Protein backbone atom coordinates (compact mmCIF):
# COMPACT_ATOMS: atom_id res chain seq x y z
CA MET A 1 0.04 -0.02 0.01
CA THR A 2 2.85 2.37 0.92
CA TYR A 3 4.72 1.46 -2.08
CA LYS A 4 1.68 2.22 -4.51
CA HIS A 5 1.08 5.54 -2.52
CA ASN A 6 4.69 6.63 -2.97
CA LYS A 7 4.68 5.62 -6.71
CA LEU A 8 1.48 7.69 -7.23
CA SER A 9 2.98 10.63 -5.40
CA ASN A 10 6.06 10.58 -7.53
CA LYS A 11 4.01 10.44 -10.66
CA SER A 12 2.01 13.39 -9.42
CA PHE A 13 5.17 15.36 -8.57
CA VAL A 14 6.67 14.61 -12.01
CA LYS A 15 3.46 15.77 -13.66
CA LYS A 16 3.63 19.06 -11.70
CA VAL A 17 7.21 19.69 -12.64
CA VAL A 18 6.51 19.06 -16.27
CA ARG A 19 3.57 21.27 -16.18
CA PHE A 20 5.64 24.03 -14.47
CA MET A 21 8.28 23.63 -17.05
CA LEU A 22 5.80 23.91 -19.82
CA ILE A 23 4.06 27.01 -18.35
CA MET A 24 7.15 28.96 -17.27
CA PRO A 25 8.38 29.77 -20.81
CA ALA A 26 4.97 30.97 -21.72
CA VAL A 27 4.88 33.21 -18.64
CA LEU A 28 8.28 34.57 -19.37
CA LEU A 29 7.33 35.31 -23.03
CA ILE A 30 4.15 37.11 -21.81
CA CYS A 31 6.29 39.27 -19.31
CA ILE A 32 8.78 40.01 -22.14
CA PHE A 33 5.89 41.11 -24.46
CA ILE A 34 4.42 43.23 -21.67
CA LEU A 35 7.78 44.82 -20.93
CA ALA A 36 8.48 45.49 -24.50
CA GLY A 37 5.02 47.01 -24.88
CA VAL A 38 5.65 49.44 -21.79
CA LEU A 39 9.07 50.36 -23.28
CA PHE A 40 7.64 51.15 -26.68
CA ALA A 41 4.69 53.11 -25.15
CA ARG A 42 7.29 55.21 -23.21
CA SER A 43 9.42 55.85 -26.25
CA PRO A 44 7.55 58.34 -28.51
CA GLY A 45 10.86 60.13 -29.01
CA LYS A 46 9.39 63.62 -29.24
CA PRO A 47 10.92 66.51 -27.04
CA GLU A 48 8.36 67.69 -24.38
CA PRO A 49 7.70 71.42 -24.28
CA PHE A 50 7.84 73.59 -21.25
CA VAL A 51 4.28 74.49 -20.28
CA ASP A 52 2.52 77.15 -18.39
CA GLU A 53 -0.06 76.85 -15.60
CA ASN A 54 -2.66 76.04 -18.30
CA GLY A 55 -0.67 73.30 -19.71
CA ARG A 56 0.18 75.28 -22.97
CA PRO A 57 3.66 75.63 -24.40
CA MET A 58 5.50 78.53 -22.79
CA ALA A 59 5.78 81.53 -25.04
CA GLY A 60 9.42 82.15 -25.95
CA SER A 61 10.54 78.71 -24.69
CA ILE A 62 12.47 76.13 -26.76
CA SER A 63 12.41 72.40 -26.83
CA GLU A 64 14.10 70.66 -29.72
CA LYS A 65 15.76 67.38 -30.64
CA ILE A 66 17.97 67.86 -33.64
CA ASN A 67 20.84 66.39 -35.57
CA VAL A 68 23.64 68.51 -36.88
CA ASN A 69 26.65 67.71 -39.05
CA ILE A 70 29.72 68.10 -36.83
CA ASN A 71 33.03 67.61 -38.58
CA GLY A 72 31.56 65.28 -41.09
CA VAL A 73 29.36 63.19 -38.63
CA GLU A 74 25.66 63.54 -37.85
CA GLN A 75 25.35 64.28 -34.11
CA GLY A 76 22.25 64.62 -31.99
CA MET A 77 21.40 67.10 -29.30
CA PHE A 78 18.46 68.39 -27.26
CA ILE A 79 18.15 72.18 -27.01
CA LYS A 80 15.99 73.24 -24.08
CA GLY A 81 15.22 76.54 -22.35
CA LYS A 82 12.33 78.41 -20.95
CA ASP A 83 13.40 81.57 -22.56
CA LYS A 84 15.46 81.12 -25.83
CA THR A 85 16.81 84.65 -25.54
CA LYS A 86 18.80 83.68 -22.42
CA PRO A 87 22.59 82.98 -22.68
CA VAL A 88 23.49 79.66 -24.45
CA LEU A 89 25.10 76.94 -22.38
CA LEU A 90 26.84 73.81 -23.95
CA PHE A 91 26.70 70.86 -21.62
CA LEU A 92 29.37 68.29 -22.03
CA HIS A 93 28.40 64.92 -20.50
CA GLY A 94 30.70 62.45 -18.81
CA GLY A 95 31.36 58.79 -19.31
CA PRO A 96 33.10 58.62 -21.73
CA GLY A 97 30.11 58.04 -23.83
CA MET A 98 27.32 58.42 -21.26
CA PRO A 99 24.69 61.11 -22.18
CA GLU A 100 23.04 62.69 -19.04
CA TYR A 101 19.98 64.35 -20.51
CA ALA A 102 17.47 61.60 -19.47
CA ILE A 103 18.98 61.41 -16.09
CA SER A 104 18.82 65.04 -15.57
CA ARG A 105 15.02 65.01 -15.94
CA ARG A 106 14.70 63.09 -12.69
CA TYR A 107 15.89 66.12 -10.75
CA PRO A 108 14.55 69.68 -10.38
CA LEU A 109 15.56 71.74 -13.52
CA VAL A 110 18.13 74.30 -12.82
CA LEU A 111 20.02 75.19 -16.08
CA GLU A 112 16.88 75.70 -18.27
CA ASN A 113 15.86 78.48 -15.92
CA TYR A 114 18.78 80.64 -16.77
CA PHE A 115 20.30 79.40 -20.04
CA THR A 116 19.27 77.97 -23.31
CA VAL A 117 20.91 74.65 -22.88
CA CYS A 118 22.39 72.44 -25.45
CA TRP A 119 22.60 68.79 -24.18
CA TRP A 120 24.94 67.61 -26.90
CA GLU A 121 25.46 63.78 -27.16
CA GLN A 122 29.05 63.55 -28.21
CA ARG A 123 30.38 61.57 -31.28
CA GLY A 124 29.75 57.88 -30.73
CA ALA A 125 27.38 58.38 -27.83
CA GLY A 126 23.57 58.17 -27.50
CA LEU A 127 21.84 60.03 -30.39
CA SER A 128 25.30 60.47 -32.05
CA TYR A 129 25.98 56.72 -32.11
CA SER A 130 26.56 54.99 -35.43
CA SER A 131 28.16 51.76 -36.22
CA ASP A 132 29.79 53.49 -39.13
CA ILE A 133 32.07 55.50 -37.02
CA PRO A 134 35.67 54.19 -37.33
CA PRO A 135 37.05 53.57 -33.88
CA GLU A 136 40.35 55.17 -34.81
CA THR A 137 38.50 58.50 -35.20
CA MET A 138 37.34 58.32 -31.56
CA THR A 139 40.10 60.43 -29.96
CA PHE A 140 39.94 63.21 -27.38
CA GLU A 141 41.56 65.47 -29.92
CA GLN A 142 38.57 64.85 -32.33
CA LEU A 143 36.06 65.33 -29.37
CA ILE A 144 37.68 68.63 -28.51
CA SER A 145 37.53 69.68 -32.19
CA ASP A 146 33.81 68.62 -32.18
CA THR A 147 33.19 70.75 -29.08
CA LEU A 148 34.49 73.84 -30.72
CA GLU A 149 32.44 73.03 -33.89
CA VAL A 150 29.26 72.64 -31.76
CA THR A 151 30.08 75.86 -29.95
CA ASN A 152 30.31 77.74 -33.35
CA TYR A 153 27.12 76.18 -34.47
CA LEU A 154 25.37 77.45 -31.31
CA ARG A 155 26.94 80.89 -31.62
CA LYS A 156 25.67 81.38 -35.11
CA HIS A 157 22.38 79.70 -34.52
CA PHE A 158 21.43 81.81 -31.57
CA GLY A 159 23.35 84.98 -32.66
CA GLN A 160 25.50 85.13 -29.65
CA GLU A 161 29.15 86.08 -29.74
CA LYS A 162 30.06 83.91 -26.77
CA ILE A 163 28.41 81.02 -24.89
CA TYR A 164 28.86 79.34 -21.53
CA LEU A 165 30.69 75.93 -21.40
CA MET A 166 29.77 73.25 -18.61
CA GLY A 167 31.43 69.96 -18.36
CA HIS A 168 30.57 67.16 -15.98
CA SER A 169 33.05 64.40 -15.00
CA GLY A 170 34.43 62.99 -18.35
CA GLY A 171 33.08 66.07 -20.04
CA THR A 172 35.51 68.28 -17.96
CA PHE A 173 38.42 66.44 -19.60
CA ILE A 174 37.29 67.79 -22.96
CA GLY A 175 35.84 71.05 -21.73
CA ILE A 176 38.87 72.51 -20.01
CA GLN A 177 40.95 71.73 -22.99
CA ALA A 178 38.44 73.33 -25.44
CA ALA A 179 38.24 76.41 -23.16
CA ALA A 180 42.07 76.76 -23.13
CA ARG A 181 42.25 76.41 -26.81
CA ALA A 182 39.62 78.95 -27.74
CA PRO A 183 38.86 81.18 -24.85
CA GLU A 184 37.43 83.97 -27.20
CA LEU A 185 34.39 81.66 -27.69
CA TYR A 186 33.14 81.45 -24.09
CA ASN A 187 31.88 83.70 -21.23
CA ALA A 188 33.05 81.21 -18.68
CA TYR A 189 33.83 77.57 -18.04
CA ILE A 190 31.98 75.63 -15.35
CA ALA A 191 33.39 72.32 -14.14
CA VAL A 192 31.18 69.88 -12.25
CA ALA A 193 33.60 67.21 -10.84
CA GLN A 194 36.68 68.43 -12.65
CA ILE A 195 39.12 65.68 -13.61
CA SER A 196 42.70 66.38 -12.87
CA ASN A 197 44.75 63.32 -12.78
CA GLN A 198 42.37 60.43 -13.02
CA LEU A 199 44.83 57.61 -12.37
CA GLU A 200 45.72 59.16 -9.05
CA SER A 201 41.99 59.60 -8.39
CA GLU A 202 41.39 55.97 -8.97
CA LYS A 203 44.01 55.03 -6.58
CA LEU A 204 42.70 57.22 -3.86
CA ALA A 205 39.23 55.63 -4.42
CA TYR A 206 40.66 52.11 -4.40
CA LYS A 207 42.45 52.74 -1.10
CA TYR A 208 39.38 54.45 0.44
CA MET A 209 37.05 51.65 -0.58
CA ILE A 210 39.22 48.86 0.83
CA GLU A 211 39.54 50.67 4.00
CA GLN A 212 35.82 51.22 4.39
CA PHE A 213 34.83 47.63 3.43
CA THR A 214 37.51 46.28 5.87
CA ARG A 215 36.05 48.48 8.57
CA LEU A 216 32.58 47.30 7.73
CA GLY A 217 33.63 43.67 7.57
CA ASP A 218 32.22 43.18 4.03
CA LYS A 219 34.23 40.17 2.87
CA ARG A 220 32.15 39.79 -0.30
CA MET A 221 33.04 43.16 -1.56
CA LEU A 222 36.63 42.82 -0.51
CA GLN A 223 36.89 39.58 -2.63
CA LYS A 224 35.90 41.62 -5.69
CA PHE A 225 38.92 43.97 -5.11
CA GLU A 226 41.27 41.10 -4.66
CA GLU A 227 40.82 40.42 -8.47
CA TYR A 228 42.49 43.72 -9.17
CA SER A 229 45.80 44.91 -7.98
CA ILE A 230 46.47 48.63 -7.60
CA THR A 231 48.34 48.44 -11.05
CA GLU A 232 45.17 47.27 -12.80
CA ILE A 233 42.68 49.86 -11.75
CA ASN A 234 42.94 51.64 -15.16
CA MET A 235 41.36 48.51 -16.93
CA PRO A 236 37.97 49.01 -18.30
CA SER A 237 36.82 45.84 -16.43
CA TYR A 238 37.73 47.41 -13.09
CA TYR A 239 36.08 50.62 -14.15
CA SER A 240 32.78 48.59 -14.60
CA MET A 241 33.28 46.71 -11.39
CA ARG A 242 33.90 49.69 -9.17
CA ASP A 243 30.40 51.18 -9.75
CA ALA A 244 28.64 48.79 -7.24
CA PRO A 245 31.03 49.35 -4.38
CA MET A 246 31.07 53.14 -4.99
CA HIS A 247 27.30 53.42 -4.89
CA LYS A 248 27.16 51.15 -1.77
CA LEU A 249 29.43 53.72 0.08
CA GLY A 250 27.68 56.81 -1.24
CA ILE A 251 30.63 58.00 -3.35
CA GLY A 252 29.34 57.36 -6.82
CA THR A 253 26.84 59.03 -9.07
CA THR A 254 24.99 60.62 -6.23
CA HIS A 255 25.50 60.38 -2.43
CA ASN A 256 22.14 58.63 -2.14
CA MET A 257 22.08 56.50 -5.18
CA LYS A 258 22.45 52.86 -4.21
CA SER A 259 21.94 51.30 -7.55
CA VAL A 260 22.76 52.27 -11.21
CA ILE A 261 19.84 50.13 -12.28
CA SER A 262 17.29 52.24 -10.53
CA GLY A 263 19.31 55.42 -10.69
CA VAL A 264 20.61 55.46 -14.31
CA PHE A 265 19.36 52.45 -16.33
CA LEU A 266 15.52 52.84 -15.69
CA PRO A 267 15.40 56.62 -16.00
CA ILE A 268 16.96 56.22 -19.51
CA MET A 269 14.74 53.37 -20.64
CA LEU A 270 11.61 54.96 -19.36
CA HIS A 271 12.29 58.44 -20.73
CA ASN A 272 9.76 59.68 -23.21
CA GLU A 273 11.92 61.86 -25.40
CA TYR A 274 14.02 59.02 -26.92
CA THR A 275 12.72 56.37 -29.18
CA PHE A 276 13.39 52.71 -28.24
CA SER A 277 16.12 52.40 -30.75
CA GLU A 278 17.91 55.66 -29.43
CA LYS A 279 17.73 54.12 -25.96
CA ILE A 280 19.46 51.04 -27.15
CA ASN A 281 22.02 53.13 -28.89
CA ILE A 282 22.89 54.86 -25.67
CA TRP A 283 24.15 51.55 -24.29
CA ARG A 284 25.65 50.64 -27.62
CA GLY A 285 27.55 53.94 -27.60
CA LYS A 286 28.67 53.45 -23.97
CA PHE A 287 30.18 50.07 -24.87
CA PHE A 288 31.86 51.47 -28.02
CA THR A 289 33.40 54.53 -26.33
CA THR A 290 34.85 52.68 -23.28
CA LYS A 291 35.79 49.30 -24.87
CA THR A 292 36.22 49.69 -28.68
CA ALA A 293 37.45 53.32 -28.78
CA ASP A 294 39.58 52.83 -25.67
CA LEU A 295 38.86 56.37 -24.52
CA TRP A 296 39.01 55.29 -20.78
CA ASN A 297 42.59 54.25 -20.88
CA LYS A 298 43.62 57.47 -22.79
CA LEU A 299 41.85 59.53 -20.12
CA VAL A 300 43.57 57.86 -17.06
CA ALA A 301 47.00 58.22 -18.75
CA THR A 302 46.70 62.03 -18.90
CA ASP A 303 47.63 64.46 -16.20
CA LEU A 304 45.61 67.63 -16.88
CA THR A 305 47.50 69.70 -14.24
CA LYS A 306 50.39 69.64 -16.54
CA LYS A 307 48.63 69.96 -19.80
CA VAL A 308 46.24 72.90 -18.93
CA GLN A 309 47.65 75.36 -16.40
CA ARG A 310 45.93 78.44 -17.31
CA LEU A 311 42.52 79.61 -18.68
CA ASP A 312 41.85 83.14 -19.95
CA ILE A 313 38.20 83.26 -18.89
CA PRO A 314 36.38 83.00 -15.51
CA VAL A 315 36.55 79.42 -14.17
CA TYR A 316 34.14 77.76 -11.73
CA PHE A 317 34.77 74.38 -10.00
CA ILE A 318 31.67 72.70 -8.52
CA HIS A 319 32.45 69.57 -6.53
CA GLY A 320 30.78 67.17 -4.09
CA ILE A 321 32.62 66.46 -0.96
CA TYR A 322 31.72 62.69 -1.12
CA ASP A 323 32.98 62.38 -4.54
CA TYR A 324 35.57 59.60 -5.12
CA THR A 325 34.50 58.92 -8.76
CA VAL A 326 36.59 62.02 -9.46
CA SER A 327 38.60 62.98 -6.43
CA TYR A 328 37.37 66.09 -4.61
CA THR A 329 40.85 66.53 -3.08
CA LEU A 330 42.61 66.46 -6.39
CA ALA A 331 40.12 68.76 -7.96
CA LYS A 332 40.79 71.39 -5.18
CA ASP A 333 44.53 71.05 -5.64
CA TYR A 334 44.13 71.61 -9.36
CA TYR A 335 41.91 74.67 -8.80
CA ASP A 336 44.50 76.19 -6.42
CA LYS A 337 47.21 75.80 -9.15
CA LEU A 338 45.16 76.81 -12.14
CA GLN A 339 45.63 80.41 -13.28
CA ALA A 340 42.57 82.40 -14.46
CA PRO A 341 41.36 86.01 -14.27
CA MET A 342 38.47 85.00 -12.13
CA LYS A 343 37.80 81.69 -10.37
CA GLY A 344 35.65 80.11 -7.74
CA PHE A 345 35.62 76.72 -5.97
CA TYR A 346 32.33 75.60 -4.51
CA THR A 347 32.02 72.60 -2.13
CA PHE A 348 28.66 70.80 -2.06
CA GLU A 349 28.37 69.20 1.38
CA GLN A 350 25.58 66.87 0.64
CA SER A 351 26.79 65.68 -2.73
CA ALA A 352 28.94 63.04 -4.31
CA HIS A 353 29.57 62.98 -8.17
CA SER A 354 26.52 65.10 -9.31
CA PRO A 355 26.24 68.20 -7.22
CA LEU A 356 24.22 69.81 -10.13
CA PHE A 357 21.40 67.28 -9.60
CA GLU A 358 21.85 66.56 -5.87
CA GLU A 359 21.76 70.17 -4.51
CA PRO A 360 19.79 72.10 -7.23
CA GLU A 361 19.00 75.14 -5.00
CA LYS A 362 22.66 75.74 -4.13
CA MET A 363 23.63 75.28 -7.80
CA GLN A 364 20.86 77.83 -8.83
CA HIS A 365 22.15 80.34 -6.29
CA ILE A 366 25.74 80.11 -7.61
CA LEU A 367 24.61 80.47 -11.22
CA GLN A 368 22.62 83.47 -10.37
CA GLU A 369 24.94 85.31 -8.07
CA ASP A 370 28.38 84.41 -9.50
CA VAL A 371 28.53 82.72 -12.82
CA LEU A 372 26.04 85.05 -14.69
CA LEU A 373 27.44 88.16 -13.00
CA GLY A 374 31.08 87.17 -13.62
CA GLY A 375 31.90 87.22 -9.84
CA ASN A 376 32.87 84.78 -7.13
CA ASN A 377 31.34 86.18 -4.00
CA LEU A 378 29.89 82.69 -2.98
CA THR A 379 33.28 80.80 -3.46
CA ASP A 380 34.40 78.73 -0.48
CA THR A 381 37.45 80.99 0.35
CA LYS A 382 35.27 84.02 0.68
CA ILE A 383 32.52 82.44 2.78
CA ASN A 384 35.10 81.00 5.03
CA GLY A 385 36.95 84.38 5.41
CA LEU A 386 40.11 83.14 3.64
CA ASN A 387 40.12 85.63 0.83
């Protein structure tokens, strides 16, 4: 009796397993179709206008997504502003190859209140990605040349003799060199998380993270670092690995962002102003610029403190005190050595790598009171009575 009962139970169990194995692919397929439907529904690809209290497009505002031929390559950009007569600002995203327009929409708008902003997506990145771009043309020299070409396009298009230039993270590597090369094109250079010597920055971050995870007793995270010696931290594979520990310690993209999936990936994939194919190209471009074009290794091999020692326009450094993606300490040292007719350094006490997004009210105040007026009354040294 017991034997027959066990035999029947085993048959019943096998049937359930087989049924489960037949159902699961169908369930997964349905989930994939639903997810694809959501993504396509959230990907109309049209720039959203600024609207007034009645939901109508604001008079005098601008909201465009355009392609422009820059040095022989079609390159995409969003141009946004609540008043298109305001000064023009060219924003240079970081990465290399990581557009920030979609991410910026998650945070209170600051730049568009005071500028007509060009969110240019650089050669090989995002809207400007193309599989036809030869990897050998992806050099920083070319990106600097592209920056100057985009600058001249904006000057002509908006009828302004000079514009403002803002770089964030990897964008500062390009931006400070472009500003040094053609200062006559710019009113000022604004650096958010200014790169100086990125290899030294990575060493400081590597040491800090090991110290912190040792203190926390996090053996799992320490094991990941054991795969890379201090001499291997300029490798693209290490660059990808360090994201998770940085965000866990609050020293990554933002001080409060714990995951690049929820903080970066989803905002991009759910953003309405990109088509589905354009969203895919953001990730294709990211891979292309870091792995194929090898820009990362070129970046960490350069010491900007030796390459650019003077700018002939006002310079503003914006930096989060928790930032180890690009060292706060090294940026401050670079600022102290950099010669300029007017300069200001601003410490953001609640921020890591993205103070523009993390402390928008403070950023707004600095833009209003210092940058647009050509002064530096809010700089750290004056506030602390050192200047």
